[in-house]
Amino acid sequence: MKFGTLIRVVVFLAVFGWAGYTGFMIAYDYFDTSGMVGQLVVDAVTKRKAMVAAGGSPAVTQDIAKDVRGLILKESRRQQIALDEGSLQVTPGSYAVQVSMSWRHPIALYGDRNLFDLTLWMDRTFDTGF
């Protein structure tokens, strides 16, 4: 094998490995954030059901949506997710809460150097049972 061919193969493998790792990290970030939002909705609904069971006011999806929005903002700051707060919309609906949001995932070039930020978005509807 010639030296030039060896260099091309090594560069190809490095680029392919970097692209695979980056794709995996993007998917992991999306599913991790989506799972976090799902858990926060479950937590807000459970809290509201406990308040109703203790004799509180009936659960209203507007209150649940307000709680979910606050929890998402708090948790995204804690986990240092680059959430675009202007894009976060938690909309109450009939027996459901719809969450629409976008956040940035940095595409690392090397070490702490970022090539660019990729915008990820999520638009899901969660059943509240109320």
Protein backbone atom coordinates (compact mmCIF):
# COMPACT_ATOMS: atom_id res chain seq x y z
CA MET A 1 0.00 0.00 0.00
CA LYS A 2 1.34 3.40 -0.94
CA PHE A 3 1.78 6.11 1.64
CA GLY A 4 -0.74 8.43 -0.10
CA THR A 5 -3.38 5.69 -0.10
CA LEU A 6 -2.75 5.04 3.59
CA ILE A 7 -3.22 8.73 4.40
CA ARG A 8 -6.50 8.83 2.43
CA VAL A 9 -7.83 5.76 4.25
CA VAL A 10 -6.89 7.18 7.66
CA VAL A 11 -8.50 10.55 6.86
CA PHE A 12 -11.63 8.81 5.55
CA LEU A 13 -11.90 6.68 8.69
CA ALA A 14 -11.37 9.71 10.93
CA VAL A 15 -14.09 11.72 9.14
CA PHE A 16 -16.44 8.73 9.12
CA GLY A 17 -15.84 8.13 12.84
CA TRP A 18 -16.38 11.81 13.67
CA ALA A 19 -19.62 11.90 11.66
CA GLY A 20 -20.90 8.73 13.33
CA TYR A 21 -20.06 10.01 16.81
CA THR A 22 -21.69 13.38 16.07
CA GLY A 23 -24.84 11.70 14.74
CA PHE A 24 -25.05 9.50 17.82
CA MET A 25 -24.66 12.48 20.15
CA ILE A 26 -27.38 14.43 18.31
CA ALA A 27 -29.79 11.49 18.63
CA TYR A 28 -28.86 11.03 22.29
CA ASP A 29 -29.45 14.73 23.01
CA TYR A 30 -32.84 14.66 21.29
CA PHE A 31 -34.11 11.54 23.05
CA ASP A 32 -32.67 12.63 26.41
CA THR A 33 -34.37 16.04 26.20
CA SER A 34 -37.61 14.49 24.95
CA GLY A 35 -37.57 12.02 27.84
CA MET A 36 -36.89 14.84 30.30
CA VAL A 37 -39.90 16.79 29.01
CA GLY A 38 -42.11 13.69 29.21
CA GLN A 39 -41.04 13.08 32.81
CA LEU A 40 -41.69 16.72 33.74
CA VAL A 41 -45.21 16.51 32.32
CA VAL A 42 -45.85 13.34 34.33
CA ASP A 43 -44.50 15.08 37.46
CA ALA A 44 -46.75 18.12 36.95
CA VAL A 45 -49.84 15.98 36.34
CA THR A 46 -49.07 13.79 39.38
CA LYS A 47 -48.62 16.88 41.56
CA ARG A 48 -51.91 18.33 40.32
CA LYS A 49 -53.75 15.02 40.91
CA ALA A 50 -52.39 14.91 44.48
CA MET A 51 -53.64 18.45 45.08
CA VAL A 52 -57.09 17.55 43.78
CA ALA A 53 -57.18 14.39 45.92
CA ALA A 54 -56.28 16.47 48.99
CA GLY A 55 -59.33 18.67 48.43
CA GLY A 56 -57.76 21.35 46.25
CA SER A 57 -59.38 23.05 43.30
CA PRO A 58 -60.09 20.90 40.27
CA ALA A 59 -57.18 20.41 37.94
CA VAL A 60 -57.19 22.74 35.00
CA THR A 61 -54.96 22.11 32.01
CA GLN A 62 -53.95 25.81 32.02
CA ASP A 63 -52.43 25.33 35.48
CA ILE A 64 -50.70 22.13 34.39
CA ALA A 65 -49.32 23.88 31.30
CA LYS A 66 -47.97 26.73 33.45
CA ASP A 67 -46.32 24.23 35.81
CA VAL A 68 -44.81 22.27 32.91
CA ARG A 69 -43.36 25.42 31.33
CA GLY A 70 -41.74 26.43 34.61
CA LEU A 71 -40.35 22.95 35.19
CA ILE A 72 -38.89 22.77 31.67
CA LEU A 73 -37.18 26.16 32.04
CA LYS A 74 -35.78 25.23 35.46
CA GLU A 75 -34.53 21.79 34.38
CA SER A 76 -33.03 23.04 31.11
CA ARG A 77 -31.00 25.62 33.07
CA ARG A 78 -29.89 22.94 35.53
CA GLN A 79 -28.80 20.58 32.75
CA GLN A 80 -27.31 23.46 30.72
CA ILE A 81 -29.45 22.78 27.65
CA ALA A 82 -29.26 25.66 25.18
CA LEU A 83 -33.04 26.08 25.13
CA ASP A 84 -34.49 28.93 23.12
CA GLU A 85 -36.94 30.27 25.71
CA GLY A 86 -38.85 32.21 23.06
CA SER A 87 -39.61 28.98 21.21
CA LEU A 88 -40.91 27.16 24.29
CA GLN A 89 -44.68 26.97 24.04
CA VAL A 90 -46.77 24.86 26.38
CA THR A 91 -50.35 24.94 25.14
CA PRO A 92 -53.22 23.50 27.18
CA GLY A 93 -55.80 21.54 25.32
CA SER A 94 -58.72 19.29 25.99
CA TYR A 95 -57.30 16.55 28.24
CA ALA A 96 -53.80 17.23 26.91
CA VAL A 97 -50.81 19.56 26.98
CA GLN A 98 -48.84 20.32 23.83
CA VAL A 99 -45.14 21.18 24.20
CA SER A 100 -43.27 22.86 21.33
CA MET A 101 -39.66 23.87 21.79
CA SER A 102 -36.30 24.17 20.10
CA TRP A 103 -32.77 24.06 21.41
CA ARG A 104 -29.24 24.16 20.04
CA HIS A 105 -26.83 21.25 19.98
CA PRO A 106 -23.19 22.21 19.36
CA ILE A 107 -21.36 20.27 16.66
CA ALA A 108 -17.85 19.88 18.05
CA LEU A 109 -14.91 20.09 15.69
CA TYR A 110 -12.12 19.34 18.14
CA GLY A 111 -12.04 19.69 21.91
CA ASP A 112 -13.91 22.84 22.90
CA ARG A 113 -13.99 24.21 19.35
CA ASN A 114 -17.44 24.12 17.80
CA LEU A 115 -18.04 23.95 14.09
CA PHE A 116 -21.64 25.24 14.37
CA ASP A 117 -24.83 24.76 16.38
CA LEU A 118 -27.55 22.47 15.09
CA THR A 119 -31.11 23.43 16.04
CA LEU A 120 -33.23 20.54 17.30
CA TRP A 121 -36.96 20.87 17.85
CA MET A 122 -39.73 18.92 19.46
CA ASP A 123 -43.50 19.19 19.15
CA ARG A 124 -45.37 16.62 21.26
CA THR A 125 -48.77 16.30 22.83
CA PHE A 126 -49.09 14.66 26.25
CA ASP A 127 -52.32 13.25 27.67
CA THR A 128 -53.06 14.68 31.12
CA GLY A 129 -56.12 12.62 32.00
CA PHE A 130 -58.00 15.76 33.11
